[in-house]
Amino acid sequence: MSVQQIKDAIATQKMKCPSCSKPVQQYDNFIEMTAFVSDGAGDSDSGLETAGSKVTLICGNCDWKERTEYWANYIDE
């Protein structure tokens, strides 16, 4: 789950608006959700584990706009 996948889907017009079925034009406020952060106190797992991401999708063709963590559901493969 990355911002690059969202950018690619919008650029190739594969991300579709559920309201008008036209390509989504833009996104805003992308965040990576954190599941775990190592405190560095001898944990075998170091670093950061993510639990997905959230983004605001904006159609641009109609008034549809949605903040979602299920953005991959809007991509036509």
PDB file of N, CA and C in Angstrom:
ATOM      1  N   MET A   1       0.835  -1.168   0.000  1.00  0.00           N
ATOM      2  CA  MET A   1       0.000   0.000   0.000  1.00  0.00           C
ATOM      3  C   MET A   1       0.886   1.239   0.000  1.00  0.00           C
ATOM      4  N   SER A   2       0.959   1.902  -1.098  1.00  0.00           N
ATOM      5  CA  SER A   2       1.834   3.062  -1.130  1.00  0.00           C
ATOM      6  C   SER A   2       1.223   4.204  -1.923  1.00  0.00           C
ATOM      7  N   VAL A   3       1.736   5.357  -1.674  1.00  0.00           N
ATOM      8  CA  VAL A   3       1.291   6.536  -2.400  1.00  0.00           C
ATOM      9  C   VAL A   3       1.620   6.398  -3.886  1.00  0.00           C
ATOM     10  N   GLN A   4       2.672   5.655  -4.214  1.00  0.00           N
ATOM     11  CA  GLN A   4       3.021   5.467  -5.620  1.00  0.00           C
ATOM     12  C   GLN A   4       1.940   4.684  -6.361  1.00  0.00           C
ATOM     13  N   GLN A   5       1.322   3.700  -5.713  1.00  0.00           N
ATOM     14  CA  GLN A   5       0.225   2.947  -6.335  1.00  0.00           C
ATOM     15  C   GLN A   5      -0.956   3.872  -6.630  1.00  0.00           C
ATOM     16  N   ILE A   6      -1.240   4.775  -5.730  1.00  0.00           N
ATOM     17  CA  ILE A   6      -2.332   5.729  -5.936  1.00  0.00           C
ATOM     18  C   ILE A   6      -2.003   6.660  -7.087  1.00  0.00           C
ATOM     19  N   LYS A   7      -0.785   7.201  -7.103  1.00  0.00           N
ATOM     20  CA  LYS A   7      -0.359   8.085  -8.195  1.00  0.00           C
ATOM     21  C   LYS A   7      -0.442   7.383  -9.537  1.00  0.00           C
ATOM     22  N   ASP A   8       0.028   6.134  -9.605  1.00  0.00           N
ATOM     23  CA  ASP A   8       0.001   5.371 -10.854  1.00  0.00           C
ATOM     24  C   ASP A   8      -1.426   5.107 -11.319  1.00  0.00           C
ATOM     25  N   ALA A   9      -2.312   4.735 -10.388  1.00  0.00           N
ATOM     26  CA  ALA A   9      -3.705   4.447 -10.736  1.00  0.00           C
ATOM     27  C   ALA A   9      -4.420   5.691 -11.255  1.00  0.00           C
ATOM     28  N   ILE A  10      -4.123   6.843 -10.674  1.00  0.00           N
ATOM     29  CA  ILE A  10      -4.729   8.094 -11.142  1.00  0.00           C
ATOM     30  C   ILE A  10      -4.144   8.481 -12.504  1.00  0.00           C
ATOM     31  N   ALA A  11      -2.834   8.358 -12.665  1.00  0.00           N
ATOM     32  CA  ALA A  11      -2.184   8.724 -13.932  1.00  0.00           C
ATOM     33  C   ALA A  11      -2.650   7.856 -15.093  1.00  0.00           C
ATOM     34  N   THR A  12      -2.892   6.577 -14.827  1.00  0.00           N
ATOM     35  CA  THR A  12      -3.331   5.662 -15.890  1.00  0.00           C
ATOM     36  C   THR A  12      -4.843   5.568 -15.976  1.00  0.00           C
ATOM     37  N   GLN A  13      -5.542   6.383 -15.190  1.00  0.00           N
ATOM     38  CA  GLN A  13      -7.003   6.458 -15.156  1.00  0.00           C
ATOM     39  C   GLN A  13      -7.654   5.123 -14.814  1.00  0.00           C
ATOM     40  N   LYS A  14      -7.003   4.353 -13.936  1.00  0.00           N
ATOM     41  CA  LYS A  14      -7.554   3.066 -13.499  1.00  0.00           C
ATOM     42  C   LYS A  14      -8.339   3.183 -12.201  1.00  0.00           C
ATOM     43  N   MET A  15      -8.239   4.327 -11.510  1.00  0.00           N
ATOM     44  CA  MET A  15      -8.999   4.522 -10.286  1.00  0.00           C
ATOM     45  C   MET A  15     -10.308   5.209 -10.663  1.00  0.00           C
ATOM     46  N   LYS A  16     -11.431   4.515 -10.436  1.00  0.00           N
ATOM     47  CA  LYS A  16     -12.734   5.004 -10.887  1.00  0.00           C
ATOM     48  C   LYS A  16     -13.595   5.506  -9.739  1.00  0.00           C
ATOM     49  N   CYS A  17     -14.334   6.549 -10.010  1.00  0.00           N
ATOM     50  CA  CYS A  17     -15.286   7.117  -9.060  1.00  0.00           C
ATOM     51  C   CYS A  17     -16.501   6.189  -8.963  1.00  0.00           C
ATOM     52  N   PRO A  18     -16.923   5.823  -7.754  1.00  0.00           N
ATOM     53  CA  PRO A  18     -18.094   4.953  -7.623  1.00  0.00           C
ATOM     54  C   PRO A  18     -19.406   5.670  -7.934  1.00  0.00           C
ATOM     55  N   SER A  19     -19.389   6.983  -7.962  1.00  0.00           N
ATOM     56  CA  SER A  19     -20.596   7.752  -8.217  1.00  0.00           C
ATOM     57  C   SER A  19     -20.876   7.931  -9.712  1.00  0.00           C
ATOM     58  N   CYS A  20     -19.865   8.352 -10.476  1.00  0.00           N
ATOM     59  CA  CYS A  20     -20.074   8.621 -11.904  1.00  0.00           C
ATOM     60  C   CYS A  20     -19.307   7.681 -12.823  1.00  0.00           C
ATOM     61  N   SER A  21     -18.468   6.801 -12.262  1.00  0.00           N
ATOM     62  CA  SER A  21     -17.673   5.807 -13.008  1.00  0.00           C
ATOM     63  C   SER A  21     -16.585   6.409 -13.889  1.00  0.00           C
ATOM     64  N   LYS A  22     -16.306   7.688 -13.736  1.00  0.00           N
ATOM     65  CA  LYS A  22     -15.215   8.316 -14.479  1.00  0.00           C
ATOM     66  C   LYS A  22     -13.942   8.234 -13.648  1.00  0.00           C
ATOM     67  N   PRO A  23     -12.787   8.450 -14.253  1.00  0.00           N
ATOM     68  CA  PRO A  23     -11.518   8.361 -13.514  1.00  0.00           C
ATOM     69  C   PRO A  23     -11.395   9.414 -12.414  1.00  0.00           C
ATOM     70  N   VAL A  24     -10.882   8.990 -11.264  1.00  0.00           N
ATOM     71  CA  VAL A  24     -10.584   9.905 -10.165  1.00  0.00           C
ATOM     72  C   VAL A  24      -9.449  10.822 -10.623  1.00  0.00           C
ATOM     73  N   GLN A  25      -9.565  12.110 -10.343  1.00  0.00           N
ATOM     74  CA  GLN A  25      -8.614  13.100 -10.840  1.00  0.00           C
ATOM     75  C   GLN A  25      -7.475  13.419  -9.875  1.00  0.00           C
ATOM     76  N   GLN A  26      -7.728  13.291  -8.554  1.00  0.00           N
ATOM     77  CA  GLN A  26      -6.690  13.685  -7.604  1.00  0.00           C
ATOM     78  C   GLN A  26      -6.887  13.024  -6.251  1.00  0.00           C
ATOM     79  N   TYR A  27      -5.881  13.168  -5.411  1.00  0.00           N
ATOM     80  CA  TYR A  27      -5.944  12.674  -4.040  1.00  0.00           C
ATOM     81  C   TYR A  27      -5.340  13.729  -3.129  1.00  0.00           C
ATOM     82  N   ASP A  28      -5.610  13.571  -1.821  1.00  0.00           N
ATOM     83  CA  ASP A  28      -5.102  14.533  -0.847  1.00  0.00           C
ATOM     84  C   ASP A  28      -4.924  13.819   0.488  1.00  0.00           C
ATOM     85  N   ASN A  29      -4.091  14.335   1.334  1.00  0.00           N
ATOM     86  CA  ASN A  29      -3.918  13.872   2.718  1.00  0.00           C
ATOM     87  C   ASN A  29      -3.596  12.388   2.850  1.00  0.00           C
ATOM     88  N   PHE A  30      -2.620  11.898   2.115  1.00  0.00           N
ATOM     89  CA  PHE A  30      -2.190  10.502   2.251  1.00  0.00           C
ATOM     90  C   PHE A  30      -1.427  10.329   3.561  1.00  0.00           C
ATOM     91  N   ILE A  31      -1.772   9.279   4.315  1.00  0.00           N
ATOM     92  CA  ILE A  31      -1.018   8.936   5.521  1.00  0.00           C
ATOM     93  C   ILE A  31      -0.820   7.433   5.588  1.00  0.00           C
ATOM     94  N   GLU A  32       0.313   7.036   6.081  1.00  0.00           N
ATOM     95  CA  GLU A  32       0.626   5.627   6.334  1.00  0.00           C
ATOM     96  C   GLU A  32       0.265   5.367   7.797  1.00  0.00           C
ATOM     97  N   MET A  33      -0.573   4.363   8.040  1.00  0.00           N
ATOM     98  CA  MET A  33      -0.989   4.065   9.412  1.00  0.00           C
ATOM     99  C   MET A  33       0.020   3.120  10.059  1.00  0.00           C
ATOM    100  N   THR A  34       0.386   3.404  11.287  1.00  0.00           N
ATOM    101  CA  THR A  34       1.410   2.659  12.001  1.00  0.00           C
ATOM    102  C   THR A  34       0.789   1.583  12.882  1.00  0.00           C
ATOM    103  N   ALA A  35       1.330   0.356  12.802  1.00  0.00           N
ATOM    104  CA  ALA A  35       0.880  -0.741  13.648  1.00  0.00           C
ATOM    105  C   ALA A  35       1.837  -0.946  14.803  1.00  0.00           C
ATOM    106  N   PHE A  36       3.135  -0.708  14.568  1.00  0.00           N
ATOM    107  CA  PHE A  36       4.141  -1.012  15.575  1.00  0.00           C
ATOM    108  C   PHE A  36       5.376  -0.155  15.327  1.00  0.00           C
ATOM    109  N   VAL A  37       5.934   0.371  16.390  1.00  0.00           N
ATOM    110  CA  VAL A  37       7.199   1.102  16.308  1.00  0.00           C
ATOM    111  C   VAL A  37       8.119   0.523  17.366  1.00  0.00           C
ATOM    112  N   SER A  38       9.310   0.110  16.966  1.00  0.00           N
ATOM    113  CA  SER A  38      10.276  -0.445  17.909  1.00  0.00           C
ATOM    114  C   SER A  38      10.807   0.658  18.805  1.00  0.00           C
ATOM    115  N   ASP A  39      10.949   0.335  20.094  1.00  0.00           N
ATOM    116  CA  ASP A  39      11.502   1.327  21.011  1.00  0.00           C
ATOM    117  C   ASP A  39      13.012   1.196  21.156  1.00  0.00           C
ATOM    118  N   GLY A  40      13.595   0.208  20.463  1.00  0.00           N
ATOM    119  CA  GLY A  40      15.044   0.045  20.480  1.00  0.00           C
ATOM    120  C   GLY A  40      15.584  -0.583  21.741  1.00  0.00           C
ATOM    121  N   ALA A  41      14.729  -1.170  22.569  1.00  0.00           N
ATOM    122  CA  ALA A  41      15.161  -1.754  23.841  1.00  0.00           C
ATOM    123  C   ALA A  41      15.407  -3.255  23.709  1.00  0.00           C
ATOM    124  N   GLY A  42      16.083  -3.663  22.669  1.00  0.00           N
ATOM    125  CA  GLY A  42      16.434  -5.063  22.496  1.00  0.00           C
ATOM    126  C   GLY A  42      15.373  -5.881  21.779  1.00  0.00           C
ATOM    127  N   ASP A  43      14.397  -5.258  21.209  1.00  0.00           N
ATOM    128  CA  ASP A  43      13.399  -5.993  20.438  1.00  0.00           C
ATOM    129  C   ASP A  43      14.055  -6.593  19.204  1.00  0.00           C
ATOM    130  N   SER A  44      13.648  -7.806  18.872  1.00  0.00           N
ATOM    131  CA  SER A  44      14.210  -8.434  17.677  1.00  0.00           C
ATOM    132  C   SER A  44      13.674  -7.764  16.416  1.00  0.00           C
ATOM    133  N   ASP A  45      12.458  -7.243  16.486  1.00  0.00           N
ATOM    134  CA  ASP A  45      11.896  -6.503  15.357  1.00  0.00           C
ATOM    135  C   ASP A  45      12.270  -5.041  15.521  1.00  0.00           C
ATOM    136  N   SER A  46      12.993  -4.525  14.580  1.00  0.00           N
ATOM    137  CA  SER A  46      13.357  -3.111  14.686  1.00  0.00           C
ATOM    138  C   SER A  46      12.662  -2.321  13.598  1.00  0.00           C
ATOM    139  N   GLY A  47      12.441  -1.085  13.872  1.00  0.00           N
ATOM    140  CA  GLY A  47      11.872  -0.208  12.869  1.00  0.00           C
ATOM    141  C   GLY A  47      10.389   0.011  13.014  1.00  0.00           C
ATOM    142  N   LEU A  48       9.711   0.063  11.884  1.00  0.00           N
ATOM    143  CA  LEU A  48       8.329   0.483  11.807  1.00  0.00           C
ATOM    144  C   LEU A  48       7.516  -0.534  11.021  1.00  0.00           C
ATOM    145  N   GLU A  49       6.386  -0.943  11.556  1.00  0.00           N
ATOM    146  CA  GLU A  49       5.456  -1.793  10.815  1.00  0.00           C
ATOM    147  C   GLU A  49       4.217  -0.963  10.532  1.00  0.00           C
ATOM    148  N   THR A  50       3.723  -1.050   9.306  1.00  0.00           N
ATOM    149  CA  THR A  50       2.547  -0.268   8.939  1.00  0.00           C
ATOM    150  C   THR A  50       1.312  -1.162   8.866  1.00  0.00           C
ATOM    151  N   ALA A  51       0.165  -0.535   9.010  1.00  0.00           N
ATOM    152  CA  ALA A  51      -1.111  -1.240   8.965  1.00  0.00           C
ATOM    153  C   ALA A  51      -1.998  -0.622   7.894  1.00  0.00           C
ATOM    154  N   GLY A  52      -1.444  -0.370   6.721  1.00  0.00           N
ATOM    155  CA  GLY A  52      -2.216   0.227   5.648  1.00  0.00           C
ATOM    156  C   GLY A  52      -2.014   1.727   5.549  1.00  0.00           C
ATOM    157  N   SER A  53      -2.931   2.358   4.829  1.00  0.00           N
ATOM    158  CA  SER A  53      -2.837   3.793   4.610  1.00  0.00           C
ATOM    159  C   SER A  53      -4.221   4.371   4.387  1.00  0.00           C
ATOM    160  N   LYS A  54      -4.329   5.674   4.566  1.00  0.00           N
ATOM    161  CA  LYS A  54      -5.579   6.401   4.316  1.00  0.00           C
ATOM    162  C   LYS A  54      -5.297   7.532   3.354  1.00  0.00           C
ATOM    163  N   VAL A  55      -6.308   7.848   2.548  1.00  0.00           N
ATOM    164  CA  VAL A  55      -6.170   8.909   1.576  1.00  0.00           C
ATOM    165  C   VAL A  55      -7.543   9.504   1.300  1.00  0.00           C
ATOM    166  N   THR A  56      -7.573  10.766   0.918  1.00  0.00           N
ATOM    167  CA  THR A  56      -8.810  11.395   0.463  1.00  0.00           C
ATOM    168  C   THR A  56      -8.789  11.363  -1.059  1.00  0.00           C
ATOM    169  N   LEU A  57      -9.765  10.692  -1.659  1.00  0.00           N
ATOM    170  CA  LEU A  57      -9.893  10.627  -3.114  1.00  0.00           C
ATOM    171  C   LEU A  57     -10.900  11.670  -3.562  1.00  0.00           C
ATOM    172  N   ILE A  58     -10.571  12.358  -4.652  1.00  0.00           N
ATOM    173  CA  ILE A  58     -11.416  13.437  -5.172  1.00  0.00           C
ATOM    174  C   ILE A  58     -11.678  13.149  -6.643  1.00  0.00           C
ATOM    175  N   CYS A  59     -12.953  12.987  -7.004  1.00  0.00           N
ATOM    176  CA  CYS A  59     -13.305  12.642  -8.376  1.00  0.00           C
ATOM    177  C   CYS A  59     -12.877  13.735  -9.354  1.00  0.00           C
ATOM    178  N   GLY A  60     -13.349  14.939  -9.178  1.00  0.00           N
ATOM    179  CA  GLY A  60     -13.034  16.022 -10.111  1.00  0.00           C
ATOM    180  C   GLY A  60     -14.007  16.112 -11.266  1.00  0.00           C
ATOM    181  N   ASN A  61     -14.776  15.041 -11.511  1.00  0.00           N
ATOM    182  CA  ASN A  61     -15.794  15.046 -12.567  1.00  0.00           C
ATOM    183  C   ASN A  61     -17.180  15.297 -11.989  1.00  0.00           C
ATOM    184  N   CYS A  62     -17.378  14.865 -10.737  1.00  0.00           N
ATOM    185  CA  CYS A  62     -18.633  15.094 -10.023  1.00  0.00           C
ATOM    186  C   CYS A  62     -18.269  15.558  -8.604  1.00  0.00           C
ATOM    187  N   ASP A  63     -19.210  15.607  -7.716  1.00  0.00           N
ATOM    188  CA  ASP A  63     -18.957  16.118  -6.368  1.00  0.00           C
ATOM    189  C   ASP A  63     -18.437  15.064  -5.397  1.00  0.00           C
ATOM    190  N   TRP A  64     -18.182  13.843  -5.852  1.00  0.00           N
ATOM    191  CA  TRP A  64     -17.760  12.761  -4.969  1.00  0.00           C
ATOM    192  C   TRP A  64     -16.365  13.014  -4.411  1.00  0.00           C
ATOM    193  N   LYS A  65     -16.242  12.800  -3.091  1.00  0.00           N
ATOM    194  CA  LYS A  65     -14.976  12.943  -2.375  1.00  0.00           C
ATOM    195  C   LYS A  65     -15.074  12.009  -1.176  1.00  0.00           C
ATOM    196  N   GLU A  66     -14.039  11.213  -0.918  1.00  0.00           N
ATOM    197  CA  GLU A  66     -14.110  10.268   0.187  1.00  0.00           C
ATOM    198  C   GLU A  66     -12.757  10.056   0.842  1.00  0.00           C
ATOM    199  N   ARG A  67     -12.754  10.023   2.169  1.00  0.00           N
ATOM    200  CA  ARG A  67     -11.573   9.684   2.959  1.00  0.00           C
ATOM    201  C   ARG A  67     -11.674   8.199   3.260  1.00  0.00           C
ATOM    202  N   THR A  68     -10.699   7.400   2.835  1.00  0.00           N
ATOM    203  CA  THR A  68     -10.815   5.955   2.951  1.00  0.00           C
ATOM    204  C   THR A  68      -9.479   5.273   3.156  1.00  0.00           C
ATOM    205  N   GLU A  69      -9.522   4.126   3.803  1.00  0.00           N
ATOM    206  CA  GLU A  69      -8.359   3.252   3.873  1.00  0.00           C
ATOM    207  C   GLU A  69      -8.516   2.099   2.884  1.00  0.00           C
ATOM    208  N   TYR A  70      -9.652   2.050   2.201  1.00  0.00           N
ATOM    209  CA  TYR A  70      -9.931   0.993   1.228  1.00  0.00           C
ATOM    210  C   TYR A  70      -9.823   1.522  -0.199  1.00  0.00           C
ATOM    211  N   TRP A  71      -8.858   2.388  -0.440  1.00  0.00           N
ATOM    212  CA  TRP A  71      -8.697   3.016  -1.748  1.00  0.00           C
ATOM    213  C   TRP A  71      -8.401   2.012  -2.852  1.00  0.00           C
ATOM    214  N   ALA A  72      -7.796   0.882  -2.528  1.00  0.00           N
ATOM    215  CA  ALA A  72      -7.480  -0.129  -3.547  1.00  0.00           C
ATOM    216  C   ALA A  72      -8.735  -0.706  -4.186  1.00  0.00           C
ATOM    217  N   ASN A  73      -9.868  -0.634  -3.491  1.00  0.00           N
ATOM    218  CA  ASN A  73     -11.137  -1.134  -4.046  1.00  0.00           C
ATOM    219  C   ASN A  73     -11.619  -0.311  -5.227  1.00  0.00           C
ATOM    220  N   TYR A  74     -11.103   0.891  -5.396  1.00  0.00           N
ATOM    221  CA  TYR A  74     -11.532   1.776  -6.483  1.00  0.00           C
ATOM    222  C   TYR A  74     -10.663   1.625  -7.738  1.00  0.00           C
ATOM    223  N   ILE A  75      -9.660   0.770  -7.678  1.00  0.00           N
ATOM    224  CA  ILE A  75      -8.758   0.579  -8.825  1.00  0.00           C
ATOM    225  C   ILE A  75      -9.253  -0.576  -9.671  1.00  0.00           C
ATOM    226  N   ASP A  76      -9.458  -0.312 -10.965  1.00  0.00           N
ATOM    227  CA  ASP A  76      -9.812  -1.353 -11.936  1.00  0.00           C
ATOM    228  C   ASP A  76      -8.519  -1.980 -12.444  1.00  0.00           C
ATOM    229  N   GLU A  77      -8.415  -3.256 -12.338  1.00  0.00           N
ATOM    230  CA  GLU A  77      -7.202  -3.944 -12.799  1.00  0.00           C
ATOM    231  C   GLU A  77      -7.258  -4.287 -14.253  1.00  0.00           C
TER     232      GLU A  77
END
